[in-house]
Amino acid sequence: MHFLGEEQLKRLRHHHGDDKVLYRDFLSLAVLGGYKAGERRVGEGLRMVLQDFDLDTAPTGQDLYLLLADKMRAENTSVLARYGTHSRAYVSRVFAQTAMLTYPD
């Protein structure tokens, strides 16, 4: 996720408070999103929406990724033009299936 940028990664690390949570619940979703929609598109998209985003009251993990994915989808820039509903849904489905395998009832 080098397209995300060091400054935004530091902000996310501070916001999550725990690298394990950051990597498992946020960055793993960003990598999946990058696989589906393109690493550069997702990394730069996250960096763009995080620039003016207040993390103080924001959720963490999957909830934060989905919130930012919605903001990326709403942007009308060339970088994010192809990040659509299908990319967000793909990441959500994979995360849900992983959770079912990891935490079976």
PDB file of N, CA and C in Angstrom:
ATOM      1  N   MET A   1       0.825  -1.193   0.000  1.00  0.00           N
ATOM      2  CA  MET A   1       0.000   0.000   0.000  1.00  0.00           C
ATOM      3  C   MET A   1       0.868   1.255   0.000  1.00  0.00           C
ATOM      4  N   HIS A   2       1.971   1.202  -0.738  1.00  0.00           N
ATOM      5  CA  HIS A   2       2.856   2.362  -0.761  1.00  0.00           C
ATOM      6  C   HIS A   2       2.192   3.594  -1.375  1.00  0.00           C
ATOM      7  N   PHE A   3       1.123   3.416  -2.156  1.00  0.00           N
ATOM      8  CA  PHE A   3       0.422   4.572  -2.725  1.00  0.00           C
ATOM      9  C   PHE A   3      -0.353   5.333  -1.655  1.00  0.00           C
ATOM     10  N   LEU A   4      -0.610   4.700  -0.533  1.00  0.00           N
ATOM     11  CA  LEU A   4      -1.319   5.349   0.570  1.00  0.00           C
ATOM     12  C   LEU A   4      -0.494   6.494   1.138  1.00  0.00           C
ATOM     13  N   GLY A   5       0.796   6.322   1.234  1.00  0.00           N
ATOM     14  CA  GLY A   5       1.687   7.367   1.734  1.00  0.00           C
ATOM     15  C   GLY A   5       1.975   7.208   3.217  1.00  0.00           C
ATOM     16  N   GLU A   6       3.171   7.568   3.593  1.00  0.00           N
ATOM     17  CA  GLU A   6       3.641   7.403   4.970  1.00  0.00           C
ATOM     18  C   GLU A   6       2.831   8.236   5.968  1.00  0.00           C
ATOM     19  N   GLU A   7       2.489   9.462   5.597  1.00  0.00           N
ATOM     20  CA  GLU A   7       1.742  10.332   6.513  1.00  0.00           C
ATOM     21  C   GLU A   7       0.377   9.732   6.866  1.00  0.00           C
ATOM     22  N   GLN A   8      -0.331   9.247   5.858  1.00  0.00           N
ATOM     23  CA  GLN A   8      -1.660   8.671   6.121  1.00  0.00           C
ATOM     24  C   GLN A   8      -1.540   7.345   6.870  1.00  0.00           C
ATOM     25  N   LEU A   9      -0.504   6.576   6.581  1.00  0.00           N
ATOM     26  CA  LEU A   9      -0.295   5.328   7.309  1.00  0.00           C
ATOM     27  C   LEU A   9      -0.032   5.604   8.787  1.00  0.00           C
ATOM     28  N   LYS A  10       0.731   6.640   9.076  1.00  0.00           N
ATOM     29  CA  LYS A  10       0.976   7.036  10.474  1.00  0.00           C
ATOM     30  C   LYS A  10      -0.329   7.434  11.160  1.00  0.00           C
ATOM     31  N   ARG A  11      -1.161   8.194  10.455  1.00  0.00           N
ATOM     32  CA  ARG A  11      -2.457   8.601  11.022  1.00  0.00           C
ATOM     33  C   ARG A  11      -3.317   7.379  11.315  1.00  0.00           C
ATOM     34  N   LEU A  12      -3.344   6.439  10.381  1.00  0.00           N
ATOM     35  CA  LEU A  12      -4.147   5.228  10.580  1.00  0.00           C
ATOM     36  C   LEU A  12      -3.598   4.386  11.729  1.00  0.00           C
ATOM     37  N   ARG A  13      -2.289   4.302  11.822  1.00  0.00           N
ATOM     38  CA  ARG A  13      -1.663   3.534  12.910  1.00  0.00           C
ATOM     39  C   ARG A  13      -2.031   4.145  14.255  1.00  0.00           C
ATOM     40  N   HIS A  14      -1.960   5.453  14.355  1.00  0.00           N
ATOM     41  CA  HIS A  14      -2.314   6.147  15.590  1.00  0.00           C
ATOM     42  C   HIS A  14      -3.807   5.961  15.902  1.00  0.00           C
ATOM     43  N   HIS A  15      -4.632   6.062  14.883  1.00  0.00           N
ATOM     44  CA  HIS A  15      -6.079   5.934  15.064  1.00  0.00           C
ATOM     45  C   HIS A  15      -6.470   4.538  15.547  1.00  0.00           C
ATOM     46  N   HIS A  16      -5.858   3.506  14.993  1.00  0.00           N
ATOM     47  CA  HIS A  16      -6.199   2.138  15.380  1.00  0.00           C
ATOM     48  C   HIS A  16      -5.551   1.742  16.703  1.00  0.00           C
ATOM     49  N   GLY A  17      -4.405   2.331  17.020  1.00  0.00           N
ATOM     50  CA  GLY A  17      -3.757   2.076  18.301  1.00  0.00           C
ATOM     51  C   GLY A  17      -3.055   0.737  18.405  1.00  0.00           C
ATOM     52  N   ASP A  18      -3.289  -0.147  17.482  1.00  0.00           N
ATOM     53  CA  ASP A  18      -2.724  -1.494  17.537  1.00  0.00           C
ATOM     54  C   ASP A  18      -2.437  -1.934  16.098  1.00  0.00           C
ATOM     55  N   ASP A  19      -1.171  -2.213  15.812  1.00  0.00           N
ATOM     56  CA  ASP A  19      -0.810  -2.607  14.449  1.00  0.00           C
ATOM     57  C   ASP A  19      -1.537  -3.866  13.993  1.00  0.00           C
ATOM     58  N   LYS A  20      -1.776  -4.783  14.907  1.00  0.00           N
ATOM     59  CA  LYS A  20      -2.460  -6.022  14.540  1.00  0.00           C
ATOM     60  C   LYS A  20      -3.873  -5.717  14.012  1.00  0.00           C
ATOM     61  N   VAL A  21      -4.575  -4.854  14.704  1.00  0.00           N
ATOM     62  CA  VAL A  21      -5.925  -4.464  14.282  1.00  0.00           C
ATOM     63  C   VAL A  21      -5.857  -3.700  12.963  1.00  0.00           C
ATOM     64  N   LEU A  22      -4.897  -2.785  12.847  1.00  0.00           N
ATOM     65  CA  LEU A  22      -4.738  -2.006  11.622  1.00  0.00           C
ATOM     66  C   LEU A  22      -4.523  -2.925  10.425  1.00  0.00           C
ATOM     67  N   TYR A  23      -3.605  -3.864  10.553  1.00  0.00           N
ATOM     68  CA  TYR A  23      -3.289  -4.746   9.431  1.00  0.00           C
ATOM     69  C   TYR A  23      -4.407  -5.739   9.150  1.00  0.00           C
ATOM     70  N   ARG A  24      -4.956  -6.347  10.178  1.00  0.00           N
ATOM     71  CA  ARG A  24      -5.981  -7.373   9.992  1.00  0.00           C
ATOM     72  C   ARG A  24      -7.312  -6.787   9.525  1.00  0.00           C
ATOM     73  N   ASP A  25      -7.730  -5.696  10.139  1.00  0.00           N
ATOM     74  CA  ASP A  25      -9.090  -5.199   9.919  1.00  0.00           C
ATOM     75  C   ASP A  25      -9.192  -4.025   8.952  1.00  0.00           C
ATOM     76  N   PHE A  26      -8.072  -3.406   8.602  1.00  0.00           N
ATOM     77  CA  PHE A  26      -8.146  -2.281   7.667  1.00  0.00           C
ATOM     78  C   PHE A  26      -7.270  -2.504   6.434  1.00  0.00           C
ATOM     79  N   LEU A  27      -5.964  -2.663   6.646  1.00  0.00           N
ATOM     80  CA  LEU A  27      -5.070  -2.769   5.497  1.00  0.00           C
ATOM     81  C   LEU A  27      -5.308  -4.034   4.681  1.00  0.00           C
ATOM     82  N   SER A  28      -5.710  -5.120   5.323  1.00  0.00           N
ATOM     83  CA  SER A  28      -6.012  -6.331   4.548  1.00  0.00           C
ATOM     84  C   SER A  28      -7.180  -6.073   3.594  1.00  0.00           C
ATOM     85  N   LEU A  29      -8.134  -5.263   4.014  1.00  0.00           N
ATOM     86  CA  LEU A  29      -9.257  -4.909   3.141  1.00  0.00           C
ATOM     87  C   LEU A  29      -8.787  -3.996   2.009  1.00  0.00           C
ATOM     88  N   ALA A  30      -7.875  -3.094   2.317  1.00  0.00           N
ATOM     89  CA  ALA A  30      -7.335  -2.223   1.280  1.00  0.00           C
ATOM     90  C   ALA A  30      -6.574  -3.030   0.228  1.00  0.00           C
ATOM     91  N   VAL A  31      -5.851  -4.045   0.676  1.00  0.00           N
ATOM     92  CA  VAL A  31      -5.142  -4.919  -0.268  1.00  0.00           C
ATOM     93  C   VAL A  31      -6.138  -5.673  -1.138  1.00  0.00           C
ATOM     94  N   LEU A  32      -7.197  -6.179  -0.534  1.00  0.00           N
ATOM     95  CA  LEU A  32      -8.246  -6.843  -1.324  1.00  0.00           C
ATOM     96  C   LEU A  32      -8.878  -5.882  -2.324  1.00  0.00           C
ATOM     97  N   GLY A  33      -9.152  -4.679  -1.876  1.00  0.00           N
ATOM     98  CA  GLY A  33      -9.700  -3.670  -2.776  1.00  0.00           C
ATOM     99  C   GLY A  33      -8.738  -3.373  -3.909  1.00  0.00           C
ATOM    100  N   GLY A  34      -7.445  -3.346  -3.602  1.00  0.00           N
ATOM    101  CA  GLY A  34      -6.435  -3.127  -4.619  1.00  0.00           C
ATOM    102  C   GLY A  34      -6.366  -4.259  -5.620  1.00  0.00           C
ATOM    103  N   TYR A  35      -6.590  -5.464  -5.145  1.00  0.00           N
ATOM    104  CA  TYR A  35      -6.615  -6.623  -6.041  1.00  0.00           C
ATOM    105  C   TYR A  35      -7.771  -6.505  -7.027  1.00  0.00           C
ATOM    106  N   LYS A  36      -8.905  -6.056  -6.545  1.00  0.00           N
ATOM    107  CA  LYS A  36     -10.101  -5.959  -7.380  1.00  0.00           C
ATOM    108  C   LYS A  36     -10.089  -4.717  -8.270  1.00  0.00           C
ATOM    109  N   ALA A  37      -9.712  -3.570  -7.723  1.00  0.00           N
ATOM    110  CA  ALA A  37      -9.840  -2.306  -8.450  1.00  0.00           C
ATOM    111  C   ALA A  37      -8.510  -1.684  -8.873  1.00  0.00           C
ATOM    112  N   GLY A  38      -7.416  -2.261  -8.433  1.00  0.00           N
ATOM    113  CA  GLY A  38      -6.096  -1.720  -8.755  1.00  0.00           C
ATOM    114  C   GLY A  38      -5.442  -1.100  -7.534  1.00  0.00           C
ATOM    115  N   GLU A  39      -4.218  -1.530  -7.263  1.00  0.00           N
ATOM    116  CA  GLU A  39      -3.504  -1.070  -6.067  1.00  0.00           C
ATOM    117  C   GLU A  39      -3.343   0.449  -6.059  1.00  0.00           C
ATOM    118  N   ARG A  40      -2.941   1.001  -7.187  1.00  0.00           N
ATOM    119  CA  ARG A  40      -2.742   2.455  -7.248  1.00  0.00           C
ATOM    120  C   ARG A  40      -4.046   3.185  -7.006  1.00  0.00           C
ATOM    121  N   ARG A  41      -5.107   2.737  -7.622  1.00  0.00           N
ATOM    122  CA  ARG A  41      -6.412   3.400  -7.492  1.00  0.00           C
ATOM    123  C   ARG A  41      -6.853   3.419  -6.028  1.00  0.00           C
ATOM    124  N   VAL A  42      -6.749   2.286  -5.357  1.00  0.00           N
ATOM    125  CA  VAL A  42      -7.201   2.207  -3.966  1.00  0.00           C
ATOM    126  C   VAL A  42      -6.265   2.982  -3.040  1.00  0.00           C
ATOM    127  N   GLY A  43      -4.959   2.798  -3.210  1.00  0.00           N
ATOM    128  CA  GLY A  43      -4.000   3.501  -2.360  1.00  0.00           C
ATOM    129  C   GLY A  43      -4.117   5.010  -2.483  1.00  0.00           C
ATOM    130  N   GLU A  44      -4.130   5.507  -3.714  1.00  0.00           N
ATOM    131  CA  GLU A  44      -4.250   6.951  -3.918  1.00  0.00           C
ATOM    132  C   GLU A  44      -5.632   7.454  -3.530  1.00  0.00           C
ATOM    133  N   GLY A  45      -6.649   6.632  -3.752  1.00  0.00           N
ATOM    134  CA  GLY A  45      -8.003   7.016  -3.352  1.00  0.00           C
ATOM    135  C   GLY A  45      -8.116   7.168  -1.851  1.00  0.00           C
ATOM    136  N   LEU A  46      -7.571   6.198  -1.112  1.00  0.00           N
ATOM    137  CA  LEU A  46      -7.594   6.299   0.351  1.00  0.00           C
ATOM    138  C   LEU A  46      -6.809   7.521   0.814  1.00  0.00           C
ATOM    139  N   ARG A  47      -5.651   7.738   0.199  1.00  0.00           N
ATOM    140  CA  ARG A  47      -4.848   8.902   0.582  1.00  0.00           C
ATOM    141  C   ARG A  47      -5.623  10.196   0.340  1.00  0.00           C
ATOM    142  N   MET A  48      -6.308  10.280  -0.788  1.00  0.00           N
ATOM    143  CA  MET A  48      -7.075  11.492  -1.115  1.00  0.00           C
ATOM    144  C   MET A  48      -8.202  11.736  -0.117  1.00  0.00           C
ATOM    145  N   VAL A  49      -8.973  10.716   0.193  1.00  0.00           N
ATOM    146  CA  VAL A  49     -10.107  10.945   1.097  1.00  0.00           C
ATOM    147  C   VAL A  49      -9.649  11.115   2.539  1.00  0.00           C
ATOM    148  N   LEU A  50      -8.501  10.538   2.895  1.00  0.00           N
ATOM    149  CA  LEU A  50      -8.000  10.700   4.257  1.00  0.00           C
ATOM    150  C   LEU A  50      -7.406  12.082   4.514  1.00  0.00           C
ATOM    151  N   GLN A  51      -6.980  12.773   3.465  1.00  0.00           N
ATOM    152  CA  GLN A  51      -6.342  14.086   3.644  1.00  0.00           C
ATOM    153  C   GLN A  51      -7.207  15.041   4.462  1.00  0.00           C
ATOM    154  N   ASP A  52      -8.482  15.077   4.183  1.00  0.00           N
ATOM    155  CA  ASP A  52      -9.388  16.001   4.869  1.00  0.00           C
ATOM    156  C   ASP A  52     -10.376  15.281   5.772  1.00  0.00           C
ATOM    157  N   PHE A  53     -10.065  14.061   6.134  1.00  0.00           N
ATOM    158  CA  PHE A  53     -10.995  13.249   6.908  1.00  0.00           C
ATOM    159  C   PHE A  53     -10.620  13.300   8.382  1.00  0.00           C
ATOM    160  N   ASP A  54     -11.594  13.568   9.239  1.00  0.00           N
ATOM    161  CA  ASP A  54     -11.380  13.636  10.682  1.00  0.00           C
ATOM    162  C   ASP A  54     -11.462  12.234  11.275  1.00  0.00           C
ATOM    163  N   LEU A  55     -10.334  11.703  11.682  1.00  0.00           N
ATOM    164  CA  LEU A  55     -10.302  10.358  12.251  1.00  0.00           C
ATOM    165  C   LEU A  55     -10.693  10.327  13.727  1.00  0.00           C
ATOM    166  N   ASP A  56     -10.790  11.491  14.357  1.00  0.00           N
ATOM    167  CA  ASP A  56     -11.071  11.530  15.794  1.00  0.00           C
ATOM    168  C   ASP A  56     -12.371  10.836  16.170  1.00  0.00           C
ATOM    169  N   THR A  57     -13.379  10.964  15.361  1.00  0.00           N
ATOM    170  CA  THR A  57     -14.674  10.360  15.676  1.00  0.00           C
ATOM    171  C   THR A  57     -15.004   9.197  14.735  1.00  0.00           C
ATOM    172  N   ALA A  58     -14.052   8.795  13.935  1.00  0.00           N
ATOM    173  CA  ALA A  58     -14.291   7.746  12.939  1.00  0.00           C
ATOM    174  C   ALA A  58     -14.175   6.361  13.567  1.00  0.00           C
ATOM    175  N   PRO A  59     -14.854   5.390  12.976  1.00  0.00           N
ATOM    176  CA  PRO A  59     -14.696   4.010  13.442  1.00  0.00           C
ATOM    177  C   PRO A  59     -13.320   3.479  13.058  1.00  0.00           C
ATOM    178  N   THR A  60     -13.038   2.260  13.417  1.00  0.00           N
ATOM    179  CA  THR A  60     -11.777   1.621  13.048  1.00  0.00           C
ATOM    180  C   THR A  60     -12.073   0.387  12.197  1.00  0.00           C
ATOM    181  N   GLY A  61     -11.007  -0.216  11.705  1.00  0.00           N
ATOM    182  CA  GLY A  61     -11.103  -1.496  11.015  1.00  0.00           C
ATOM    183  C   GLY A  61     -11.990  -1.499   9.796  1.00  0.00           C
ATOM    184  N   GLN A  62     -12.791  -2.557   9.691  1.00  0.00           N
ATOM    185  CA  GLN A  62     -13.657  -2.745   8.532  1.00  0.00           C
ATOM    186  C   GLN A  62     -14.625  -1.579   8.362  1.00  0.00           C
ATOM    187  N   ASP A  63     -15.184  -1.105   9.449  1.00  0.00           N
ATOM    188  CA  ASP A  63     -16.149   0.003   9.361  1.00  0.00           C
ATOM    189  C   ASP A  63     -15.509   1.251   8.765  1.00  0.00           C
ATOM    190  N   LEU A  64     -14.268   1.532   9.147  1.00  0.00           N
ATOM    191  CA  LEU A  64     -13.572   2.686   8.582  1.00  0.00           C
ATOM    192  C   LEU A  64     -13.281   2.454   7.106  1.00  0.00           C
ATOM    193  N   TYR A  65     -12.826   1.259   6.743  1.00  0.00           N
ATOM    194  CA  TYR A  65     -12.543   0.995   5.334  1.00  0.00           C
ATOM    195  C   TYR A  65     -13.798   1.185   4.483  1.00  0.00           C
ATOM    196  N   LEU A  66     -14.923   0.641   4.936  1.00  0.00           N
ATOM    197  CA  LEU A  66     -16.157   0.755   4.156  1.00  0.00           C
ATOM    198  C   LEU A  66     -16.632   2.204   4.063  1.00  0.00           C
ATOM    199  N   LEU A  67     -16.461   2.964   5.128  1.00  0.00           N
ATOM    200  CA  LEU A  67     -16.799   4.383   5.100  1.00  0.00           C
ATOM    201  C   LEU A  67     -15.940   5.125   4.071  1.00  0.00           C
ATOM    202  N   LEU A  68     -14.640   4.850   4.082  1.00  0.00           N
ATOM    203  CA  LEU A  68     -13.747   5.493   3.130  1.00  0.00           C
ATOM    204  C   LEU A  68     -14.015   4.998   1.708  1.00  0.00           C
ATOM    205  N   ALA A  69     -14.359   3.717   1.558  1.00  0.00           N
ATOM    206  CA  ALA A  69     -14.694   3.175   0.236  1.00  0.00           C
ATOM    207  C   ALA A  69     -15.916   3.889  -0.327  1.00  0.00           C
ATOM    208  N   ASP A  70     -16.889   4.158   0.513  1.00  0.00           N
ATOM    209  CA  ASP A  70     -18.067   4.907   0.060  1.00  0.00           C
ATOM    210  C   ASP A  70     -17.686   6.312  -0.384  1.00  0.00           C
ATOM    211  N   LYS A  71     -16.776   6.947   0.361  1.00  0.00           N
ATOM    212  CA  LYS A  71     -16.326   8.285  -0.017  1.00  0.00           C
ATOM    213  C   LYS A  71     -15.542   8.231  -1.327  1.00  0.00           C
ATOM    214  N   MET A  72     -14.718   7.192  -1.504  1.00  0.00           N
ATOM    215  CA  MET A  72     -13.969   7.053  -2.758  1.00  0.00           C
ATOM    216  C   MET A  72     -14.923   6.871  -3.929  1.00  0.00           C
ATOM    217  N   ARG A  73     -15.943   6.050  -3.725  1.00  0.00           N
ATOM    218  CA  ARG A  73     -16.906   5.780  -4.787  1.00  0.00           C
ATOM    219  C   ARG A  73     -17.656   7.054  -5.177  1.00  0.00           C
ATOM    220  N   ALA A  74     -17.879   7.942  -4.211  1.00  0.00           N
ATOM    221  CA  ALA A  74     -18.619   9.179  -4.468  1.00  0.00           C
ATOM    222  C   ALA A  74     -17.755  10.239  -5.163  1.00  0.00           C
ATOM    223  N   GLU A  75     -16.430  10.115  -5.054  1.00  0.00           N
ATOM    224  CA  GLU A  75     -15.524  11.081  -5.687  1.00  0.00           C
ATOM    225  C   GLU A  75     -15.614  10.960  -7.203  1.00  0.00           C
ATOM    226  N   ASN A  76     -15.410  12.047  -7.882  1.00  0.00           N
ATOM    227  CA  ASN A  76     -15.469  12.038  -9.342  1.00  0.00           C
ATOM    228  C   ASN A  76     -14.117  12.493  -9.898  1.00  0.00           C
ATOM    229  N   THR A  77     -13.066  11.740  -9.574  1.00  0.00           N
ATOM    230  CA  THR A  77     -11.738  12.056 -10.076  1.00  0.00           C
ATOM    231  C   THR A  77     -11.266  10.923 -10.966  1.00  0.00           C
ATOM    232  N   SER A  78     -10.263  11.192 -11.755  1.00  0.00           N
ATOM    233  CA  SER A  78      -9.773  10.174 -12.678  1.00  0.00           C
ATOM    234  C   SER A  78      -9.214   8.961 -11.946  1.00  0.00           C
ATOM    235  N   VAL A  79      -8.592   9.162 -10.796  1.00  0.00           N
ATOM    236  CA  VAL A  79      -8.019   8.044 -10.052  1.00  0.00           C
ATOM    237  C   VAL A  79      -9.112   7.093  -9.581  1.00  0.00           C
ATOM    238  N   LEU A  80     -10.246   7.640  -9.166  1.00  0.00           N
ATOM    239  CA  LEU A  80     -11.294   6.823  -8.566  1.00  0.00           C
ATOM    240  C   LEU A  80     -12.446   6.504  -9.507  1.00  0.00           C
ATOM    241  N   ALA A  81     -12.320   6.881 -10.747  1.00  0.00           N
ATOM    242  CA  ALA A  81     -13.433   6.732 -11.677  1.00  0.00           C
ATOM    243  C   ALA A  81     -13.931   5.294 -11.788  1.00  0.00           C
ATOM    244  N   ARG A  82     -13.072   4.309 -11.602  1.00  0.00           N
ATOM    245  CA  ARG A  82     -13.493   2.924 -11.761  1.00  0.00           C
ATOM    246  C   ARG A  82     -13.654   2.195 -10.436  1.00  0.00           C
ATOM    247  N   TYR A  83     -13.584   2.900  -9.308  1.00  0.00           N
ATOM    248  CA  TYR A  83     -13.829   2.250  -8.024  1.00  0.00           C
ATOM    249  C   TYR A  83     -15.329   2.304  -7.779  1.00  0.00           C
ATOM    250  N   GLY A  84     -15.993   1.218  -8.011  1.00  0.00           N
ATOM    251  CA  GLY A  84     -17.445   1.221  -7.949  1.00  0.00           C
ATOM    252  C   GLY A  84     -18.007   0.319  -6.875  1.00  0.00           C
ATOM    253  N   THR A  85     -19.297   0.165  -6.932  1.00  0.00           N
ATOM    254  CA  THR A  85     -20.022  -0.654  -5.970  1.00  0.00           C
ATOM    255  C   THR A  85     -19.516  -2.086  -5.958  1.00  0.00           C
ATOM    256  N   HIS A  86     -19.189  -2.615  -7.131  1.00  0.00           N
ATOM    257  CA  HIS A  86     -18.719  -4.001  -7.218  1.00  0.00           C
ATOM    258  C   HIS A  86     -17.415  -4.203  -6.440  1.00  0.00           C
ATOM    259  N   SER A  87     -16.513  -3.213  -6.462  1.00  0.00           N
ATOM    260  CA  SER A  87     -15.252  -3.330  -5.727  1.00  0.00           C
ATOM    261  C   SER A  87     -15.496  -3.328  -4.228  1.00  0.00           C
ATOM    262  N   ARG A  88     -16.358  -2.436  -3.772  1.00  0.00           N
ATOM    263  CA  ARG A  88     -16.684  -2.370  -2.343  1.00  0.00           C
ATOM    264  C   ARG A  88     -17.371  -3.648  -1.894  1.00  0.00           C
ATOM    265  N   ALA A  89     -18.307  -4.151  -2.695  1.00  0.00           N
ATOM    266  CA  ALA A  89     -19.042  -5.368  -2.347  1.00  0.00           C
ATOM    267  C   ALA A  89     -18.118  -6.577  -2.305  1.00  0.00           C
ATOM    268  N   TYR A  90     -17.160  -6.635  -3.212  1.00  0.00           N
ATOM    269  CA  TYR A  90     -16.195  -7.738  -3.242  1.00  0.00           C
ATOM    270  C   TYR A  90     -15.431  -7.811  -1.925  1.00  0.00           C
ATOM    271  N   VAL A  91     -14.929  -6.674  -1.481  1.00  0.00           N
ATOM    272  CA  VAL A  91     -14.165  -6.625  -0.229  1.00  0.00           C
ATOM    273  C   VAL A  91     -15.046  -7.036   0.946  1.00  0.00           C
ATOM    274  N   SER A  92     -16.274  -6.560   0.983  1.00  0.00           N
ATOM    275  CA  SER A  92     -17.192  -6.907   2.078  1.00  0.00           C
ATOM    276  C   SER A  92     -17.471  -8.405   2.110  1.00  0.00           C
ATOM    277  N   ARG A  93     -17.687  -9.001   0.945  1.00  0.00           N
ATOM    278  CA  ARG A  93     -17.970 -10.442   0.883  1.00  0.00           C
ATOM    279  C   ARG A  93     -16.780 -11.272   1.360  1.00  0.00           C
ATOM    280  N   VAL A  94     -15.586 -10.931   0.914  1.00  0.00           N
ATOM    281  CA  VAL A  94     -14.399 -11.676   1.329  1.00  0.00           C
ATOM    282  C   VAL A  94     -14.195 -11.540   2.832  1.00  0.00           C
ATOM    283  N   PHE A  95     -14.361 -10.338   3.361  1.00  0.00           N
ATOM    284  CA  PHE A  95     -14.196 -10.126   4.793  1.00  0.00           C
ATOM    285  C   PHE A  95     -15.213 -10.954   5.584  1.00  0.00           C
ATOM    286  N   ALA A  96     -16.457 -10.969   5.139  1.00  0.00           N
ATOM    287  CA  ALA A  96     -17.502 -11.729   5.825  1.00  0.00           C
ATOM    288  C   ALA A  96     -17.216 -13.223   5.772  1.00  0.00           C
ATOM    289  N   GLN A  97     -16.757 -13.720   4.649  1.00  0.00           N
ATOM    290  CA  GLN A  97     -16.440 -15.143   4.537  1.00  0.00           C
ATOM    291  C   GLN A  97     -15.253 -15.517   5.409  1.00  0.00           C
ATOM    292  N   THR A  98     -14.269 -14.632   5.480  1.00  0.00           N
ATOM    293  CA  THR A  98     -13.124 -14.869   6.342  1.00  0.00           C
ATOM    294  C   THR A  98     -13.536 -14.907   7.810  1.00  0.00           C
ATOM    295  N   ALA A  99     -14.409 -13.996   8.191  1.00  0.00           N
ATOM    296  CA  ALA A  99     -14.895 -13.962   9.570  1.00  0.00           C
ATOM    297  C   ALA A  99     -15.640 -15.252   9.911  1.00  0.00           C
ATOM    298  N   MET A 100     -16.403 -15.765   8.975  1.00  0.00           N
ATOM    299  CA  MET A 100     -17.138 -17.014   9.219  1.00  0.00           C
ATOM    300  C   MET A 100     -16.163 -18.174   9.415  1.00  0.00           C
ATOM    301  N   LEU A 101     -15.073 -18.200   8.679  1.00  0.00           N
ATOM    302  CA  LEU A 101     -14.091 -19.266   8.814  1.00  0.00           C
ATOM    303  C   LEU A 101     -13.270 -19.117  10.084  1.00  0.00           C
ATOM    304  N   THR A 102     -13.014 -17.870  10.466  1.00  0.00           N
ATOM    305  CA  THR A 102     -12.187 -17.586  11.635  1.00  0.00           C
ATOM    306  C   THR A 102     -12.956 -17.746  12.939  1.00  0.00           C
ATOM    307  N   TYR A 103     -14.215 -17.336  12.943  1.00  0.00           N
ATOM    308  CA  TYR A 103     -15.026 -17.345  14.161  1.00  0.00           C
ATOM    309  C   TYR A 103     -16.324 -18.147  13.947  1.00  0.00           C
ATOM    310  N   PRO A 104     -16.203 -19.447  13.696  1.00  0.00           N
ATOM    311  CA  PRO A 104     -17.438 -20.225  13.474  1.00  0.00           C
ATOM    312  C   PRO A 104     -18.270 -20.312  14.750  1.00  0.00           C
ATOM    313  N   ASP A 105     -19.578 -20.327  14.572  1.00  0.00           N
ATOM    314  CA  ASP A 105     -20.481 -20.441  15.737  1.00  0.00           C
ATOM    315  C   ASP A 105     -20.679 -21.877  16.125  1.00  0.00           C
TER     316      ASP A 105
END
